[in-house]
C-alpha cells in the first residue's frame, strides 16, 4: 500500500451551500503560491455546489477530483482506497455543511492529518441557520481555526456573530468580508465573567460553563490558583483511591448534547467515603496542573480545601 509511512496534510473547508468554500478553494488552486512544488492534490467534493472547478486553469496539473455525494462513502475503506488510487501528497476537502464532522474524522486514514480547518458562512442568512440548525452550525465552529463571514454588511451587528462563534470556539480567528478584498478582522475582547486575579476565584452558578471551558483550554494558568464553585459529586466506579469527580451538566449547543462536565478532585479517602454519590456541595479547591491516572495525562486536579454540602441547583444544567 502507498503512503503508509508518511503524513498527508489535509486542508478542510466547511460551511453550508453558497458560503464561499468553492471560490476560496478554486482561487487557492489557481495561485502559484499554493502550488510551489507541484504537489499531487486529491480534492474531495462532498456536495454539489453552484460553482464548478476547472482543472485546465490550475498551474498544477496533478489535481484529482473525487465526488462523495453519499455520506455512507465516508468510511475508512473508501478513503483508504482513494489514497492508494491517487497517492496524493495533500488532500483538500470541501465538506458538506449538512454532515457532522465526526463522520469524517472517524473515516480518515491514519496518515491523514488536518493541517488547516476553515469554515465559511453566508452572513445574510447565518443567524437564521444558527437558530434553526444550531447543532450543525456549532459542529463546524468548534474546531475551526478561522471563520469567514462572506457578504457581511456594515449594518449587521458584529457582536451577534462574534458570540455565536465564541460559544463554540474561543481560539478561532473571525473575519468579516464586506466586498471582495475588503475584510475586517474581529478584535472584540472576551473578558472572563469572573475575577481570575482574586485570591480566591469565585465562580457564580451562572458562569460554570465558561469556567469549565477556560480551565480545560488553559489549565496551566490555573496551577496554584484557589477556586470556589458549586457542583455535583461523583464517587466510586473506577476512580483511583482518594479521588472523586466534581462538576455540572453543561449544554454547549442544544439539549441533545448535554453532558456531565467534571474535574478530578483529590481528598482524603476517609472523607470521600462520607460523600454520597450525586450529592451537591460548594467546594474551595486549590488547582494543580499535574498528571492524574484518571486523565492518563496532565490536567487540572482539584485539591479540596473546604467541602460544604448544599442544596441542588433548581436548574442544574450550565449553559453559555
Protein backbone atom coordinates (compact mmCIF):
# COMPACT_ATOMS: atom_id res chain seq x y z
CA UNK A 1 0.00 0.00 0.00
CA UNK A 2 1.14 3.52 -0.79
CA UNK A 3 1.67 6.35 1.64
CA UNK A 4 1.72 4.36 4.83
CA UNK A 5 4.96 5.79 6.22
CA UNK A 6 4.23 9.45 5.60
CA UNK A 7 1.94 12.17 6.85
CA UNK A 8 -0.57 13.57 4.38
CA UNK A 9 -1.75 17.12 5.20
CA UNK A 10 -5.48 17.68 4.95
CA UNK A 11 -6.98 21.12 4.29
CA UNK A 12 -10.58 21.06 5.45
CA UNK A 13 -13.16 23.63 4.35
CA UNK A 14 -16.63 23.57 5.88
CA UNK A 15 -19.83 25.60 5.60
CA UNK A 16 -23.26 25.49 4.03
CA UNK A 17 -24.06 25.92 0.34
CA UNK A 18 -23.25 29.35 -1.13
CA UNK A 19 -20.93 30.12 1.79
CA UNK A 20 -17.88 30.68 -0.43
CA UNK A 21 -15.98 27.40 0.05
CA UNK A 22 -15.68 26.61 -3.65
CA UNK A 23 -14.49 30.10 -4.61
CA UNK A 24 -11.79 30.06 -1.95
CA UNK A 25 -10.53 26.59 -2.87
CA UNK A 26 -10.60 27.41 -6.58
CA UNK A 27 -8.57 30.60 -6.06
CA UNK A 28 -6.06 28.68 -3.96
CA UNK A 29 -5.61 26.03 -6.63
CA UNK A 30 -5.12 28.75 -9.26
CA UNK A 31 -2.42 30.52 -7.26
CA UNK A 32 1.27 29.84 -7.81
CA UNK A 33 2.00 30.29 -4.11
CA UNK A 34 -0.22 27.35 -3.13
CA UNK A 35 1.35 25.19 -5.84
CA UNK A 36 5.04 25.93 -5.45
CA UNK A 37 6.19 22.33 -5.65
CA UNK A 38 3.52 20.79 -7.83
CA UNK A 39 2.01 18.73 -5.01
CA UNK A 40 -0.26 15.86 -6.05
CA UNK A 41 -3.59 17.08 -4.75
CA UNK A 42 -6.68 15.00 -4.08
CA UNK A 43 -9.76 17.23 -4.00
CA UNK A 44 -12.74 15.62 -2.27
CA UNK A 45 -16.09 17.25 -3.02
CA UNK A 46 -18.80 16.25 -0.56
CA UNK A 47 -21.58 18.32 -2.09
CA UNK A 48 -22.53 19.72 -5.49
CA UNK A 49 -22.09 23.49 -5.34
CA UNK A 50 -23.20 26.16 -7.78
CA UNK A 51 -19.66 26.86 -9.00
CA UNK A 52 -17.50 24.26 -10.69
CA UNK A 53 -13.79 23.55 -10.73
CA UNK A 54 -11.88 23.89 -13.99
CA UNK A 55 -8.68 21.87 -13.85
CA UNK A 56 -7.44 23.49 -17.06
CA UNK A 57 -6.70 26.78 -15.30
CA UNK A 58 -4.63 25.32 -12.49
CA UNK A 59 -0.83 25.72 -12.73
CA UNK A 60 -0.52 22.33 -11.04
CA UNK A 61 -1.89 19.64 -13.31
CA UNK A 62 -1.69 16.93 -10.64
CA UNK A 63 -5.11 17.76 -9.15
CA UNK A 64 -7.54 14.86 -8.95
CA UNK A 65 -11.21 15.31 -8.11
CA UNK A 66 -13.36 12.72 -6.39
CA UNK A 67 -17.01 13.37 -5.57
CA UNK A 68 -18.55 11.89 -2.43
CA UNK A 69 -22.28 12.50 -2.70
CA UNK A 70 -23.30 9.81 -0.23
CA UNK A 71 -22.30 10.07 3.44
CA UNK A 72 -22.09 6.27 3.56
CA UNK A 73 -18.97 6.54 1.40
CA UNK A 74 -17.27 8.34 4.25
CA UNK A 75 -15.72 5.24 5.70
CA UNK A 76 -12.12 4.15 6.30
CA UNK A 77 -12.11 1.59 3.47
CA UNK A 78 -13.34 4.01 0.80
CA UNK A 79 -10.94 6.82 1.76
CA UNK A 80 -8.10 4.35 2.08
CA UNK A 81 -8.79 3.18 -1.47
CA UNK A 82 -8.73 6.77 -2.71
CA UNK A 83 -5.33 7.28 -1.10
CA UNK A 84 -3.99 4.18 -2.81
CA UNK A 85 -5.57 5.19 -6.12
CA UNK A 86 -4.12 8.72 -6.32
CA UNK A 87 -1.13 8.62 -3.93
CA UNK A 88 -1.67 12.29 -3.01
CA UNK A 89 0.85 14.45 -1.20
CA UNK A 90 -2.04 16.52 0.19
CA UNK A 91 -5.85 16.34 0.43
CA UNK A 92 -8.35 19.19 0.15
CA UNK A 93 -11.86 18.51 1.39
CA UNK A 94 -14.90 20.63 0.59
CA UNK A 95 -17.21 19.25 3.24
CA UNK A 96 -20.99 19.04 3.16
CA UNK A 97 -22.46 21.51 5.68
CA UNK A 98 -25.30 19.11 6.46
CA UNK A 99 -22.95 16.33 7.56
CA UNK A 100 -21.46 16.16 11.06
CA UNK A 101 -17.66 16.34 11.21
CA UNK A 102 -17.31 13.31 13.48
CA UNK A 103 -18.21 11.15 10.49
CA UNK A 104 -15.24 12.49 8.55
CA UNK A 105 -12.76 12.27 11.42
CA UNK A 106 -13.71 8.66 12.05
CA UNK A 107 -13.25 7.78 8.37
CA UNK A 108 -9.88 9.43 7.68
CA UNK A 109 -6.90 7.11 7.17
CA UNK A 110 -4.26 7.24 9.93
CA UNK A 111 -1.82 9.05 7.63
CA UNK A 112 -4.23 11.97 7.05
CA UNK A 113 -3.63 14.88 9.42
CA UNK A 114 -5.74 18.04 9.40
CA UNK A 115 -3.29 20.92 8.90
CA UNK A 116 -5.88 23.65 8.50
CA UNK A 117 -9.63 23.89 9.06
CA UNK A 118 -11.66 26.87 7.91
CA UNK A 119 -15.40 27.41 7.94
CA UNK A 120 -17.25 29.77 5.63
CA UNK A 121 -20.62 31.42 6.19
CA UNK A 122 -23.01 33.49 4.10
CA UNK A 123 -23.62 36.29 6.60
CA UNK A 124 -27.14 37.43 5.47
CA UNK A 125 -28.64 34.01 6.35
CA UNK A 126 -26.26 32.88 9.08
CA UNK A 127 -28.34 33.95 12.06
CA UNK A 128 -31.33 32.05 10.65
CA UNK A 129 -29.22 28.94 10.10
CA UNK A 130 -27.96 29.22 13.66
CA UNK A 131 -31.49 29.49 15.00
CA UNK A 132 -32.89 26.59 13.01
CA UNK A 133 -29.88 24.25 12.72
CA UNK A 134 -27.81 25.14 15.75
CA UNK A 135 -26.25 21.69 16.08
CA UNK A 136 -24.86 21.82 12.53
CA UNK A 137 -23.57 25.38 12.95
CA UNK A 138 -21.90 24.55 16.27
CA UNK A 139 -20.37 21.40 14.81
CA UNK A 140 -18.49 23.38 12.14
CA UNK A 141 -17.30 26.08 14.56
CA UNK A 142 -15.85 24.10 17.44
CA UNK A 143 -12.63 23.03 15.69
CA UNK A 144 -12.27 25.73 13.00
CA UNK A 145 -9.08 27.79 13.07
CA UNK A 146 -10.71 30.53 11.02
CA UNK A 147 -14.32 31.64 10.42
CA UNK A 148 -15.06 33.82 7.39
CA UNK A 149 -18.38 35.66 7.14
CA UNK A 150 -18.95 36.46 3.47
CA UNK A 151 -21.25 39.23 2.18
CA UNK A 152 -21.09 40.94 5.55
CA UNK A 153 -22.88 44.29 5.82
CA UNK A 154 -21.84 47.25 7.95
CA UNK A 155 -25.46 47.34 9.07
CA UNK A 156 -25.03 43.96 10.78
CA UNK A 157 -24.22 43.74 14.48
CA UNK A 158 -20.82 42.02 14.63
CA UNK A 159 -21.42 41.11 18.27
CA UNK A 160 -24.25 38.72 17.30
CA UNK A 161 -21.93 36.79 15.00
CA UNK A 162 -19.00 37.04 17.40
CA UNK A 163 -20.97 35.48 20.26
CA UNK A 164 -22.12 32.55 18.12
CA UNK A 165 -18.51 31.72 17.29
CA UNK A 166 -17.10 32.28 20.76
CA UNK A 167 -19.58 29.99 22.48
CA UNK A 168 -18.20 27.16 20.36
CA UNK A 169 -14.59 28.22 19.97
CA UNK A 170 -12.57 30.89 21.76
CA UNK A 171 -9.45 30.47 19.66
CA UNK A 172 -10.64 30.77 16.05
CA UNK A 173 -9.88 33.88 14.07
CA UNK A 174 -13.01 35.67 12.80
CA UNK A 175 -13.02 37.60 9.52
CA UNK A 176 -15.80 39.78 8.13
CA UNK A 177 -15.70 40.17 4.35
CA UNK A 178 -17.72 43.16 3.08
CA UNK A 179 -16.70 43.18 -0.56
CA UNK A 180 -14.09 41.23 -2.44
CA UNK A 181 -10.71 42.01 -0.87
CA UNK A 182 -12.34 44.28 1.72
CA UNK A 183 -12.11 42.43 5.00
CA UNK A 184 -12.08 43.24 8.70
CA UNK A 185 -10.59 41.11 11.45
CA UNK A 186 -12.61 40.63 14.61
CA UNK A 187 -10.99 42.41 17.55
CA UNK A 188 -13.78 42.14 20.13
CA UNK A 189 -12.35 41.22 23.52
CA UNK A 190 -13.95 38.47 25.61
CA UNK A 191 -13.33 39.23 29.28
CA UNK A 192 -13.92 36.33 31.63
CA UNK A 193 -17.11 36.65 33.74
CA UNK A 194 -15.10 36.13 36.95
CA UNK A 195 -12.07 37.76 38.56
CA UNK A 196 -9.19 35.47 37.72
CA UNK A 197 -6.70 37.62 39.67
CA UNK A 198 -8.59 37.39 43.00
CA UNK A 199 -7.02 35.44 45.87
CA UNK A 200 -9.96 33.05 45.54
CA UNK A 201 -11.60 32.84 42.10
CA UNK A 202 -15.34 32.84 42.81
CA UNK A 203 -17.38 31.04 40.15
CA UNK A 204 -21.03 32.08 40.12
CA UNK A 205 -23.54 29.34 39.33
CA UNK A 206 -24.37 31.01 36.02
CA UNK A 207 -20.69 31.05 34.98
CA UNK A 208 -19.74 27.40 35.50
CA UNK A 209 -19.75 26.55 31.77
CA UNK A 210 -17.39 29.44 30.97
CA UNK A 211 -15.04 28.49 33.79
CA UNK A 212 -15.04 24.79 32.86
CA UNK A 213 -14.11 25.65 29.27
CA UNK A 214 -11.42 28.10 30.38
CA UNK A 215 -9.73 25.73 32.81
CA UNK A 216 -9.67 22.98 30.19
CA UNK A 217 -8.33 25.23 27.44
CA UNK A 218 -5.69 26.93 29.62
CA UNK A 219 -5.21 24.54 32.52
CA UNK A 220 -1.61 25.52 33.21
CA UNK A 221 -2.52 29.10 34.12
CA UNK A 222 -4.67 27.75 36.97
CA UNK A 223 -1.77 25.92 38.60
CA UNK A 224 -1.71 27.07 42.24
CA UNK A 225 -4.97 29.05 41.99
CA UNK A 226 -7.73 28.69 44.57
CA UNK A 227 -11.27 28.41 43.19
CA UNK A 228 -14.69 28.18 44.82
CA UNK A 229 -17.69 26.77 42.94
CA UNK A 230 -20.78 24.65 43.37
CA UNK A 231 -21.06 21.21 41.82
CA UNK A 232 -22.29 17.67 41.96
CA UNK A 233 -20.10 14.84 43.26
CA UNK A 234 -19.41 11.54 41.54
CA UNK A 235 -17.70 8.83 43.56
CA UNK A 236 -16.78 5.16 43.24
CA UNK A 237 -16.54 3.32 39.96
CA UNK A 238 -13.03 3.03 38.56
CA UNK A 239 -11.74 6.20 40.19
CA UNK A 240 -8.38 5.86 41.97
CA UNK A 241 -8.36 5.91 45.77
CA UNK A 242 -8.53 9.40 47.18
CA UNK A 243 -10.20 10.79 44.06
CA UNK A 244 -13.71 11.76 43.02
CA UNK A 245 -15.24 13.98 40.35
CA UNK A 246 -16.99 17.31 40.89
CA UNK A 247 -18.85 19.10 38.12
CA UNK A 248 -22.09 20.09 36.47
CA UNK A 249 -24.07 19.13 33.40
CA UNK A 250 -23.25 21.53 30.58
CA UNK A 251 -25.17 22.29 27.39
CA UNK A 252 -22.93 23.81 24.72
CA UNK A 253 -25.21 23.66 21.70
CA UNK A 254 -28.63 22.12 22.19
CA UNK A 255 -30.43 19.77 24.58
CA UNK A 256 -29.15 16.71 22.71
CA UNK A 257 -25.54 17.49 23.61
CA UNK A 258 -25.93 17.91 27.37
CA UNK A 259 -23.13 16.06 29.13
CA UNK A 260 -21.55 15.94 32.56
CA UNK A 261 -18.53 18.25 32.69
CA UNK A 262 -16.49 17.45 35.75
CA UNK A 263 -12.92 17.56 37.01
CA UNK A 264 -10.89 15.19 39.14
CA UNK A 265 -10.85 16.20 42.82
CA UNK A 266 -8.40 14.80 45.36
CA UNK A 267 -9.28 14.40 49.03
CA UNK A 268 -8.65 12.06 51.93
CA UNK A 269 -10.35 8.74 51.14
CA UNK A 270 -11.95 8.67 54.59
CA UNK A 271 -13.69 11.95 53.76
CA UNK A 272 -14.71 10.77 50.31
CA UNK A 273 -16.30 7.69 51.88
CA UNK A 274 -18.70 10.03 53.71
CA UNK A 275 -19.85 11.65 50.46
CA UNK A 276 -22.99 10.25 48.86
CA UNK A 277 -22.65 9.79 45.11
CA UNK A 278 -24.61 12.56 43.37
CA UNK A 279 -24.69 14.95 46.32
CA UNK A 280 -24.15 18.67 45.81
CA UNK A 281 -21.53 20.79 47.55
CA UNK A 282 -19.82 24.13 47.49
CA UNK A 283 -16.10 23.45 47.36
CA UNK A 284 -12.96 25.50 47.80
CA UNK A 285 -10.13 23.87 45.89
CA UNK A 286 -6.52 24.50 45.02
CA UNK A 287 -5.79 23.63 41.42
CA UNK A 288 -2.65 21.80 40.42
CA UNK A 289 -1.71 21.12 36.84
CA UNK A 290 -0.29 17.61 37.02
CA UNK A 291 -0.58 14.04 35.85
CA UNK A 292 -3.52 12.04 37.20
CA UNK A 293 -4.29 8.42 36.48
CA UNK A 294 -7.93 9.21 35.64
CA UNK A 295 -6.86 11.63 32.91
CA UNK A 296 -3.99 9.44 31.68
CA UNK A 297 -2.15 12.72 31.13
CA UNK A 298 -1.55 16.09 32.77
CA UNK A 299 -4.60 18.15 33.58
CA UNK A 300 -6.32 20.29 36.22
CA UNK A 301 -6.51 18.37 39.51
CA UNK A 302 -8.60 19.93 42.29
CA UNK A 303 -7.28 19.55 45.83
CA UNK A 304 -10.19 20.05 48.21
CA UNK A 305 -9.66 22.58 50.99
CA UNK A 306 -13.30 23.09 52.04
CA UNK A 307 -16.33 20.93 51.32
CA UNK A 308 -19.77 22.22 52.28
CA UNK A 309 -22.86 20.18 51.32
CA UNK A 310 -25.60 22.29 49.72
CA UNK A 311 -28.98 22.01 48.05
CA UNK A 312 -29.09 21.07 44.34
CA UNK A 313 -29.48 23.93 41.93
CA UNK A 314 -33.01 24.41 40.64
CA UNK A 315 -31.64 24.29 37.09
CA UNK A 316 -28.51 22.16 37.22
CA UNK A 317 -27.67 22.46 33.50
CA UNK A 318 -24.99 25.11 32.94
CA UNK A 319 -25.05 26.94 29.60
CA UNK A 320 -23.25 29.73 27.82
